[in-house]
Amino acid sequence: EGLIHVVQRVRDLLGLDTGEPGAFSPFEARVVEAV
């Protein structure tokens, strides 16, 4: 259930839609930034 959103998170992480690597989730990105 909700696999479509898991797949989109992988796409965001690897930058498949933007050409730039990103993060698996906004929360995870903020934690990495915080440390």
Full PDB file with SEQRES, HELIX, SHEET, SSBOND, CRYST1, ORIGX, SCALE, CONECT and MASTER records, all heavy atoms in Angstrom:
SEQRES   1 A   35  GLU GLY LEU ILE HIS VAL VAL GLN ARG VAL ARG ASP LEU          
SEQRES   2 A   35  LEU GLY LEU ASP THR GLY GLU PRO GLY ALA PHE SER PRO          
SEQRES   3 A   35  PHE GLU ALA ARG VAL VAL GLU ALA VAL                          
HELIX    1 AA1 LEU A    3  LEU A   14  1                                  12    
HELIX    2 AA2 PRO A   26  ALA A   34  1                                   9    
CRYST1    1.000    1.000    1.000  90.00  90.00  90.00 P 1           1          
ORIGX1      1.000000  0.000000  0.000000        0.00000                         
ORIGX2      0.000000  1.000000  0.000000        0.00000                         
ORIGX3      0.000000  0.000000  1.000000        0.00000                         
SCALE1      1.000000  0.000000  0.000000        0.00000                         
SCALE2      0.000000  1.000000  0.000000        0.00000                         
SCALE3      0.000000  0.000000  1.000000        0.00000                         
ATOM      1  N   GLU A   1       0.840  -1.198   0.000  1.00  0.00           N  
ATOM      2  CA  GLU A   1       0.000   0.000   0.000  1.00  0.00           C  
ATOM      3  C   GLU A   1       0.881   1.257   0.000  1.00  0.00           C  
ATOM      4  O   GLU A   1       1.805   1.396   0.790  1.00  0.00           O  
ATOM      5  CB  GLU A   1      -0.911   0.010   1.227  1.00  0.00           C  
ATOM      6  CG  GLU A   1      -1.910   1.153   1.226  1.00  0.00           C  
ATOM      7  CD  GLU A   1      -2.902   1.040   2.371  1.00  0.00           C  
ATOM      8  OE1 GLU A   1      -2.940  -0.029   3.023  1.00  0.00           O  
ATOM      9  OE2 GLU A   1      -3.637   2.005   2.602  1.00  0.00           O  
ATOM     10  N   GLY A   2       0.582   2.185  -0.910  1.00  0.00           N  
ATOM     11  CA  GLY A   2       1.353   3.416  -0.995  1.00  0.00           C  
ATOM     12  C   GLY A   2       2.718   3.267  -1.631  1.00  0.00           C  
ATOM     13  O   GLY A   2       3.570   4.151  -1.511  1.00  0.00           O  
ATOM     14  N   LEU A   3       2.947   2.172  -2.354  1.00  0.00           N  
ATOM     15  CA  LEU A   3       4.249   1.945  -2.993  1.00  0.00           C  
ATOM     16  C   LEU A   3       4.632   3.094  -3.927  1.00  0.00           C  
ATOM     17  O   LEU A   3       5.804   3.432  -4.056  1.00  0.00           O  
ATOM     18  CB  LEU A   3       4.214   0.626  -3.778  1.00  0.00           C  
ATOM     19  CG  LEU A   3       5.458   0.253  -4.581  1.00  0.00           C  
ATOM     20  CD1 LEU A   3       6.648   0.024  -3.665  1.00  0.00           C  
ATOM     21  CD2 LEU A   3       5.187  -0.992  -5.435  1.00  0.00           C  
ATOM     22  N   ILE A   4       3.647   3.707  -4.564  1.00  0.00           N  
ATOM     23  CA  ILE A   4       3.930   4.806  -5.493  1.00  0.00           C  
ATOM     24  C   ILE A   4       4.732   5.914  -4.812  1.00  0.00           C  
ATOM     25  O   ILE A   4       5.612   6.521  -5.416  1.00  0.00           O  
ATOM     26  CB  ILE A   4       2.611   5.361  -6.093  1.00  0.00           C  
ATOM     27  CG1 ILE A   4       2.905   6.428  -7.153  1.00  0.00           C  
ATOM     28  CG2 ILE A   4       1.686   5.897  -5.005  1.00  0.00           C  
ATOM     29  CD1 ILE A   4       1.668   6.888  -7.901  1.00  0.00           C  
ATOM     30  N   HIS A   5       4.471   6.156  -3.518  1.00  0.00           N  
ATOM     31  CA  HIS A   5       5.178   7.221  -2.808  1.00  0.00           C  
ATOM     32  C   HIS A   5       6.580   6.787  -2.377  1.00  0.00           C  
ATOM     33  O   HIS A   5       7.504   7.605  -2.339  1.00  0.00           O  
ATOM     34  CB  HIS A   5       4.358   7.675  -1.603  1.00  0.00           C  
ATOM     35  CG  HIS A   5       2.978   8.120  -1.979  1.00  0.00           C  
ATOM     36  ND1 HIS A   5       2.746   9.071  -2.952  1.00  0.00           N  
ATOM     37  CD2 HIS A   5       1.750   7.713  -1.554  1.00  0.00           C  
ATOM     38  CE1 HIS A   5       1.443   9.254  -3.087  1.00  0.00           C  
ATOM     39  NE2 HIS A   5       0.830   8.440  -2.264  1.00  0.00           N  
ATOM     40  N   VAL A   6       6.746   5.506  -2.077  1.00  0.00           N  
ATOM     41  CA  VAL A   6       8.085   4.980  -1.782  1.00  0.00           C  
ATOM     42  C   VAL A   6       8.972   5.118  -3.014  1.00  0.00           C  
ATOM     43  O   VAL A   6      10.131   5.563  -2.936  1.00  0.00           O  
ATOM     44  CB  VAL A   6       8.005   3.509  -1.339  1.00  0.00           C  
ATOM     45  CG1 VAL A   6       9.412   2.914  -1.193  1.00  0.00           C  
ATOM     46  CG2 VAL A   6       7.247   3.381  -0.024  1.00  0.00           C  
ATOM     47  N   VAL A   7       8.435   4.758  -4.173  1.00  0.00           N  
ATOM     48  CA  VAL A   7       9.193   4.855  -5.421  1.00  0.00           C  
ATOM     49  C   VAL A   7       9.558   6.310  -5.713  1.00  0.00           C  
ATOM     50  O   VAL A   7      10.681   6.607  -6.138  1.00  0.00           O  
ATOM     51  CB  VAL A   7       8.392   4.245  -6.583  1.00  0.00           C  
ATOM     52  CG1 VAL A   7       9.072   4.526  -7.920  1.00  0.00           C  
ATOM     53  CG2 VAL A   7       8.244   2.738  -6.388  1.00  0.00           C  
ATOM     54  N   GLN A   8       8.635   7.241  -5.458  1.00  0.00           N  
ATOM     55  CA  GLN A   8       8.940   8.648  -5.702  1.00  0.00           C  
ATOM     56  C   GLN A   8      10.058   9.139  -4.783  1.00  0.00           C  
ATOM     57  O   GLN A   8      10.895   9.945  -5.187  1.00  0.00           O  
ATOM     58  CB  GLN A   8       7.689   9.505  -5.504  1.00  0.00           C  
ATOM     59  CG  GLN A   8       7.885  10.974  -5.859  1.00  0.00           C  
ATOM     60  CD  GLN A   8       8.295  11.173  -7.316  1.00  0.00           C  
ATOM     61  OE1 GLN A   8       7.654  10.623  -8.215  1.00  0.00           O  
ATOM     62  NE2 GLN A   8       9.339  11.955  -7.559  1.00  0.00           N  
ATOM     63  N   ARG A   9      10.089   8.648  -3.551  1.00  0.00           N  
ATOM     64  CA  ARG A   9      11.170   9.032  -2.636  1.00  0.00           C  
ATOM     65  C   ARG A   9      12.523   8.554  -3.159  1.00  0.00           C  
ATOM     66  O   ARG A   9      13.526   9.255  -3.033  1.00  0.00           O  
ATOM     67  CB  ARG A   9      10.919   8.470  -1.246  1.00  0.00           C  
ATOM     68  CG  ARG A   9       9.814   9.186  -0.480  1.00  0.00           C  
ATOM     69  CD  ARG A   9       9.769   8.715   0.950  1.00  0.00           C  
ATOM     70  NE  ARG A   9       8.852   9.511   1.751  1.00  0.00           N  
ATOM     71  CZ  ARG A   9       8.823   9.519   3.075  1.00  0.00           C  
ATOM     72  NH1 ARG A   9       9.680   8.754   3.746  1.00  0.00           N  
ATOM     73  NH2 ARG A   9       7.971  10.268   3.735  1.00  0.00           N  
ATOM     74  N   VAL A  10      12.553   7.370  -3.740  1.00  0.00           N  
ATOM     75  CA  VAL A  10      13.798   6.870  -4.329  1.00  0.00           C  
ATOM     76  C   VAL A  10      14.200   7.751  -5.509  1.00  0.00           C  
ATOM     77  O   VAL A  10      15.378   8.095  -5.672  1.00  0.00           O  
ATOM     78  CB  VAL A  10      13.644   5.401  -4.773  1.00  0.00           C  
ATOM     79  CG1 VAL A  10      14.912   4.917  -5.474  1.00  0.00           C  
ATOM     80  CG2 VAL A  10      13.342   4.509  -3.566  1.00  0.00           C  
ATOM     81  N   ARG A  11      13.231   8.125  -6.327  1.00  0.00           N  
ATOM     82  CA  ARG A  11      13.510   9.010  -7.458  1.00  0.00           C  
ATOM     83  C   ARG A  11      14.071  10.351  -6.978  1.00  0.00           C  
ATOM     84  O   ARG A  11      15.012  10.889  -7.558  1.00  0.00           O  
ATOM     85  CB  ARG A  11      12.250   9.228  -8.296  1.00  0.00           C  
ATOM     86  CG  ARG A  11      11.668   7.960  -8.923  1.00  0.00           C  
ATOM     87  CD  ARG A  11      10.509   8.285  -9.859  1.00  0.00           C  
ATOM     88  NE  ARG A  11      10.992   9.043 -11.000  1.00  0.00           N  
ATOM     89  CZ  ARG A  11      11.503   8.504 -12.103  1.00  0.00           C  
ATOM     90  NH1 ARG A  11      11.577   7.182 -12.217  1.00  0.00           N  
ATOM     91  NH2 ARG A  11      11.925   9.267 -13.105  1.00  0.00           N  
ATOM     92  N   ASP A  12      13.478  10.899  -5.917  1.00  0.00           N  
ATOM     93  CA  ASP A  12      13.973  12.161  -5.359  1.00  0.00           C  
ATOM     94  C   ASP A  12      15.402  12.011  -4.841  1.00  0.00           C  
ATOM     95  O   ASP A  12      16.257  12.873  -5.060  1.00  0.00           O  
ATOM     96  CB  ASP A  12      13.069  12.629  -4.216  1.00  0.00           C  
ATOM     97  CG  ASP A  12      11.688  13.053  -4.692  1.00  0.00           C  
ATOM     98  OD1 ASP A  12      11.523  13.322  -5.891  1.00  0.00           O  
ATOM     99  OD2 ASP A  12      10.766  13.103  -3.853  1.00  0.00           O  
ATOM    100  N   LEU A  13      15.658  10.913  -4.138  1.00  0.00           N  
ATOM    101  CA  LEU A  13      16.982  10.671  -3.566  1.00  0.00           C  
ATOM    102  C   LEU A  13      18.055  10.624  -4.644  1.00  0.00           C  
ATOM    103  O   LEU A  13      19.143  11.186  -4.488  1.00  0.00           O  
ATOM    104  CB  LEU A  13      16.971   9.356  -2.781  1.00  0.00           C  
ATOM    105  CG  LEU A  13      18.277   8.926  -2.120  1.00  0.00           C  
ATOM    106  CD1 LEU A  13      18.550   9.766  -0.887  1.00  0.00           C  
ATOM    107  CD2 LEU A  13      18.238   7.446  -1.764  1.00  0.00           C  
ATOM    108  N   LEU A  14      17.745   9.960  -5.759  1.00  0.00           N  
ATOM    109  CA  LEU A  14      18.724   9.761  -6.819  1.00  0.00           C  
ATOM    110  C   LEU A  14      18.698  10.860  -7.872  1.00  0.00           C  
ATOM    111  O   LEU A  14      19.511  10.845  -8.805  1.00  0.00           O  
ATOM    112  CB  LEU A  14      18.491   8.393  -7.482  1.00  0.00           C  
ATOM    113  CG  LEU A  14      18.622   7.181  -6.553  1.00  0.00           C  
ATOM    114  CD1 LEU A  14      18.281   5.904  -7.306  1.00  0.00           C  
ATOM    115  CD2 LEU A  14      20.023   7.096  -5.958  1.00  0.00           C  
ATOM    116  N   GLY A  15      17.754  11.791  -7.758  1.00  0.00           N  
ATOM    117  CA  GLY A  15      17.681  12.894  -8.714  1.00  0.00           C  
ATOM    118  C   GLY A  15      17.241  12.471 -10.099  1.00  0.00           C  
ATOM    119  O   GLY A  15      17.645  13.082 -11.098  1.00  0.00           O  
ATOM    120  N   LEU A  16      16.403  11.452 -10.208  1.00  0.00           N  
ATOM    121  CA  LEU A  16      15.997  10.968 -11.528  1.00  0.00           C  
ATOM    122  C   LEU A  16      15.105  11.956 -12.269  1.00  0.00           C  
ATOM    123  O   LEU A  16      15.037  11.931 -13.497  1.00  0.00           O  
ATOM    124  CB  LEU A  16      15.265   9.619 -11.388  1.00  0.00           C  
ATOM    125  CG  LEU A  16      16.111   8.446 -10.903  1.00  0.00           C  
ATOM    126  CD1 LEU A  16      15.285   7.180 -10.851  1.00  0.00           C  
ATOM    127  CD2 LEU A  16      17.321   8.248 -11.800  1.00  0.00           C  
ATOM    128  N   ASP A  17      14.395  12.809 -11.545  1.00  0.00           N  
ATOM    129  CA  ASP A  17      13.515  13.788 -12.193  1.00  0.00           C  
ATOM    130  C   ASP A  17      14.150  15.162 -12.312  1.00  0.00           C  
ATOM    131  O   ASP A  17      13.707  15.989 -13.114  1.00  0.00           O  
ATOM    132  CB  ASP A  17      12.200  13.909 -11.410  1.00  0.00           C  
ATOM    133  CG  ASP A  17      11.427  12.606 -11.371  1.00  0.00           C  
ATOM    134  OD1 ASP A  17      11.353  11.933 -12.415  1.00  0.00           O  
ATOM    135  OD2 ASP A  17      10.908  12.246 -10.297  1.00  0.00           O  
ATOM    136  N   THR A  18      15.170  15.431 -11.532  1.00  0.00           N  
ATOM    137  CA  THR A  18      15.746  16.772 -11.486  1.00  0.00           C  
ATOM    138  C   THR A  18      17.191  16.833 -11.954  1.00  0.00           C  
ATOM    139  O   THR A  18      17.698  17.915 -12.249  1.00  0.00           O  
ATOM    140  CB  THR A  18      15.693  17.330 -10.053  1.00  0.00           C  
ATOM    141  OG1 THR A  18      16.494  16.489  -9.200  1.00  0.00           O  
ATOM    142  CG2 THR A  18      14.268  17.361  -9.532  1.00  0.00           C  
ATOM    143  N   GLY A  19      17.861  15.686 -11.998  1.00  0.00           N  
ATOM    144  CA  GLY A  19      19.273  15.667 -12.347  1.00  0.00           C  
ATOM    145  C   GLY A  19      20.196  15.976 -11.183  1.00  0.00           C  
ATOM    146  O   GLY A  19      21.417  15.926 -11.320  1.00  0.00           O  
ATOM    147  N   GLU A  20      19.608  16.289 -10.033  1.00  0.00           N  
ATOM    148  CA  GLU A  20      20.385  16.596  -8.836  1.00  0.00           C  
ATOM    149  C   GLU A  20      20.014  15.640  -7.719  1.00  0.00           C  
ATOM    150  O   GLU A  20      18.838  15.447  -7.430  1.00  0.00           O  
ATOM    151  CB  GLU A  20      20.117  18.035  -8.376  1.00  0.00           C  
ATOM    152  CG  GLU A  20      20.547  19.112  -9.344  1.00  0.00           C  
ATOM    153  CD  GLU A  20      22.061  19.229  -9.412  1.00  0.00           C  
ATOM    154  OE1 GLU A  20      22.719  18.872  -8.412  1.00  0.00           O  
ATOM    155  OE2 GLU A  20      22.575  19.677 -10.428  1.00  0.00           O  
ATOM    156  N   PRO A  21      21.008  15.010  -7.055  1.00  0.00           N  
ATOM    157  CA  PRO A  21      20.681  14.107  -5.949  1.00  0.00           C  
ATOM    158  C   PRO A  21      20.016  14.868  -4.818  1.00  0.00           C  
ATOM    159  O   PRO A  21      20.354  16.025  -4.544  1.00  0.00           O  
ATOM    160  CB  PRO A  21      22.046  13.549  -5.521  1.00  0.00           C  
ATOM    161  CG  PRO A  21      23.041  14.558  -6.003  1.00  0.00           C  
ATOM    162  CD  PRO A  21      22.469  15.133  -7.259  1.00  0.00           C  
ATOM    163  N   GLY A  22      19.057  14.238  -4.179  1.00  0.00           N  
ATOM    164  CA  GLY A  22      18.326  14.877  -3.100  1.00  0.00           C  
ATOM    165  C   GLY A  22      18.355  14.056  -1.836  1.00  0.00           C  
ATOM    166  O   GLY A  22      19.377  13.462  -1.489  1.00  0.00           O  
ATOM    167  N   ALA A  23      17.218  14.000  -1.160  1.00  0.00           N  
ATOM    168  CA  ALA A  23      17.100  13.261   0.094  1.00  0.00           C  
ATOM    169  C   ALA A  23      15.914  12.314  -0.003  1.00  0.00           C  
ATOM    170  O   ALA A  23      15.016  12.494  -0.822  1.00  0.00           O  
ATOM    171  CB  ALA A  23      16.919  14.219   1.266  1.00  0.00           C  
ATOM    172  N   PHE A  24      15.923  11.315   0.856  1.00  0.00           N  
ATOM    173  CA  PHE A  24      14.825  10.347   0.846  1.00  0.00           C  
ATOM    174  C   PHE A  24      13.537  10.959   1.365  1.00  0.00           C  
ATOM    175  O   PHE A  24      12.457  10.549   0.971  1.00  0.00           O  
ATOM    176  CB  PHE A  24      15.219   9.127   1.681  1.00  0.00           C  
ATOM    177  CG  PHE A  24      14.253   7.986   1.543  1.00  0.00           C  
ATOM    178  CD1 PHE A  24      14.171   7.271   0.361  1.00  0.00           C  
ATOM    179  CD2 PHE A  24      13.417   7.638   2.595  1.00  0.00           C  
ATOM    180  CE1 PHE A  24      13.271   6.222   0.222  1.00  0.00           C  
ATOM    181  CE2 PHE A  24      12.515   6.593   2.470  1.00  0.00           C  
ATOM    182  CZ  PHE A  24      12.445   5.884   1.276  1.00  0.00           C  
ATOM    183  N   SER A  25      13.636  11.932   2.251  1.00  0.00           N  
ATOM    184  CA  SER A  25      12.447  12.611   2.769  1.00  0.00           C  
ATOM    185  C   SER A  25      12.853  13.992   3.279  1.00  0.00           C  
ATOM    186  O   SER A  25      14.023  14.206   3.634  1.00  0.00           O  
ATOM    187  CB  SER A  25      11.808  11.816   3.910  1.00  0.00           C  
ATOM    188  OG  SER A  25      12.620  11.867   5.071  1.00  0.00           O  
ATOM    189  N   PRO A  26      11.919  14.943   3.332  1.00  0.00           N  
ATOM    190  CA  PRO A  26      12.246  16.257   3.893  1.00  0.00           C  
ATOM    191  C   PRO A  26      12.747  16.171   5.330  1.00  0.00           C  
ATOM    192  O   PRO A  26      13.667  16.894   5.722  1.00  0.00           O  
ATOM    193  CB  PRO A  26      10.915  17.017   3.803  1.00  0.00           C  
ATOM    194  CG  PRO A  26      10.178  16.355   2.686  1.00  0.00           C  
ATOM    195  CD  PRO A  26      10.559  14.904   2.774  1.00  0.00           C  
ATOM    196  N   PHE A  27      12.152  15.269   6.123  1.00  0.00           N  
ATOM    197  CA  PHE A  27      12.588  15.130   7.507  1.00  0.00           C  
ATOM    198  C   PHE A  27      14.034  14.676   7.584  1.00  0.00           C  
ATOM    199  O   PHE A  27      14.854  15.233   8.319  1.00  0.00           O  
ATOM    200  CB  PHE A  27      11.680  14.146   8.244  1.00  0.00           C  
ATOM    201  CG  PHE A  27      12.137  13.852   9.649  1.00  0.00           C  
ATOM    202  CD1 PHE A  27      11.952  14.771  10.661  1.00  0.00           C  
ATOM    203  CD2 PHE A  27      12.784  12.657   9.951  1.00  0.00           C  
ATOM    204  CE1 PHE A  27      12.391  14.512  11.957  1.00  0.00           C  
ATOM    205  CE2 PHE A  27      13.220  12.381  11.232  1.00  0.00           C  
ATOM    206  CZ  PHE A  27      13.019  13.319  12.243  1.00  0.00           C  
ATOM    207  N   GLU A  28      14.374  13.650   6.814  1.00  0.00           N  
ATOM    208  CA  GLU A  28      15.746  13.146   6.821  1.00  0.00           C  
ATOM    209  C   GLU A  28      16.721  14.231   6.373  1.00  0.00           C  
ATOM    210  O   GLU A  28      17.821  14.363   6.940  1.00  0.00           O  
ATOM    211  CB  GLU A  28      15.845  11.927   5.906  1.00  0.00           C  
ATOM    212  CG  GLU A  28      17.137  11.149   6.030  1.00  0.00           C  
ATOM    213  CD  GLU A  28      17.072   9.827   5.303  1.00  0.00           C  
ATOM    214  OE1 GLU A  28      16.329   8.931   5.744  1.00  0.00           O  
ATOM    215  OE2 GLU A  28      17.745   9.685   4.265  1.00  0.00           O  
ATOM    216  N   ALA A  29      16.324  15.031   5.372  1.00  0.00           N  
ATOM    217  CA  ALA A  29      17.190  16.112   4.891  1.00  0.00           C  
ATOM    218  C   ALA A  29      17.451  17.138   5.988  1.00  0.00           C  
ATOM    219  O   ALA A  29      18.578  17.616   6.158  1.00  0.00           O  
ATOM    220  CB  ALA A  29      16.555  16.785   3.677  1.00  0.00           C  
ATOM    221  N   ARG A  30      16.414  17.462   6.758  1.00  0.00           N  
ATOM    222  CA  ARG A  30      16.574  18.449   7.817  1.00  0.00           C  
ATOM    223  C   ARG A  30      17.465  17.928   8.938  1.00  0.00           C  
ATOM    224  O   ARG A  30      18.236  18.689   9.535  1.00  0.00           O  
ATOM    225  CB  ARG A  30      15.203  18.844   8.370  1.00  0.00           C  
ATOM    226  CG  ARG A  30      14.348  19.653   7.402  1.00  0.00           C  
ATOM    227  CD  ARG A  30      14.866  21.070   7.241  1.00  0.00           C  
ATOM    228  NE  ARG A  30      14.873  21.789   8.503  1.00  0.00           N  
ATOM    229  CZ  ARG A  30      13.816  22.397   9.016  1.00  0.00           C  
ATOM    230  NH1 ARG A  30      12.645  22.356   8.387  1.00  0.00           N  
ATOM    231  NH2 ARG A  30      13.913  23.041  10.165  1.00  0.00           N  
ATOM    232  N   VAL A  31      17.370  16.641   9.228  1.00  0.00           N  
ATOM    233  CA  VAL A  31      18.235  16.065  10.261  1.00  0.00           C  
ATOM    234  C   VAL A  31      19.694  16.119   9.819  1.00  0.00           C  
ATOM    235  O   VAL A  31      20.583  16.497  10.589  1.00  0.00           O  
ATOM    236  CB  VAL A  31      17.814  14.612  10.575  1.00  0.00           C  
ATOM    237  CG1 VAL A  31      18.829  13.958  11.510  1.00  0.00           C  
ATOM    238  CG2 VAL A  31      16.427  14.572  11.193  1.00  0.00           C  
ATOM    239  N   VAL A  32      19.947  15.733   8.565  1.00  0.00           N  
ATOM    240  CA  VAL A  32      21.316  15.780   8.039  1.00  0.00           C  
ATOM    241  C   VAL A  32      21.842  17.210   8.092  1.00  0.00           C  
ATOM    242  O   VAL A  32      22.997  17.455   8.475  1.00  0.00           O  
ATOM    243  CB  VAL A  32      21.359  15.234   6.599  1.00  0.00           C  
ATOM    244  CG1 VAL A  32      22.740  15.447   5.991  1.00  0.00           C  
ATOM    245  CG2 VAL A  32      20.999  13.751   6.582  1.00  0.00           C  
ATOM    246  N   GLU A  33      20.992  18.159   7.729  1.00  0.00           N  
ATOM    247  CA  GLU A  33      21.396  19.565   7.782  1.00  0.00           C  
ATOM    248  C   GLU A  33      21.683  20.008   9.214  1.00  0.00           C  
ATOM    249  O   GLU A  33      22.637  20.747   9.479  1.00  0.00           O  
ATOM    250  CB  GLU A  33      20.295  20.439   7.180  1.00  0.00           C  
ATOM    251  CG  GLU A  33      20.606  21.929   7.177  1.00  0.00           C  
ATOM    252  CD  GLU A  33      19.453  22.760   6.637  1.00  0.00           C  
ATOM    253  OE1 GLU A  33      18.385  22.183   6.338  1.00  0.00           O  
ATOM    254  OE2 GLU A  33      19.609  23.984   6.530  1.00  0.00           O  
ATOM    255  N   ALA A  34      20.854  19.532  10.159  1.00  0.00           N  
ATOM    256  CA  ALA A  34      21.010  19.951  11.555  1.00  0.00           C  
ATOM    257  C   ALA A  34      22.339  19.509  12.144  1.00  0.00           C  
ATOM    258  O   ALA A  34      22.907  20.197  12.997  1.00  0.00           O  
ATOM    259  CB  ALA A  34      19.851  19.409  12.395  1.00  0.00           C  
ATOM    260  N   VAL A  35      22.844  18.358  11.704  1.00  0.00           N  
ATOM    261  CA  VAL A  35      24.133  17.879  12.219  1.00  0.00           C  
ATOM    262  C   VAL A  35      25.267  18.209  11.247  1.00  0.00           C  
ATOM    263  O   VAL A  35      26.361  17.650  11.345  1.00  0.00           O  
ATOM    264  CB  VAL A  35      24.105  16.366  12.524  1.00  0.00           C  
ATOM    265  CG1 VAL A  35      23.068  16.065  13.572  1.00  0.00           C  
ATOM    266  CG2 VAL A  35      23.868  15.548  11.266  1.00  0.00           C  
TER     267      VAL A  35                                                      
MASTER        0    0    0    2    0    0    0    6  266    1    0    3          
END                                                                             
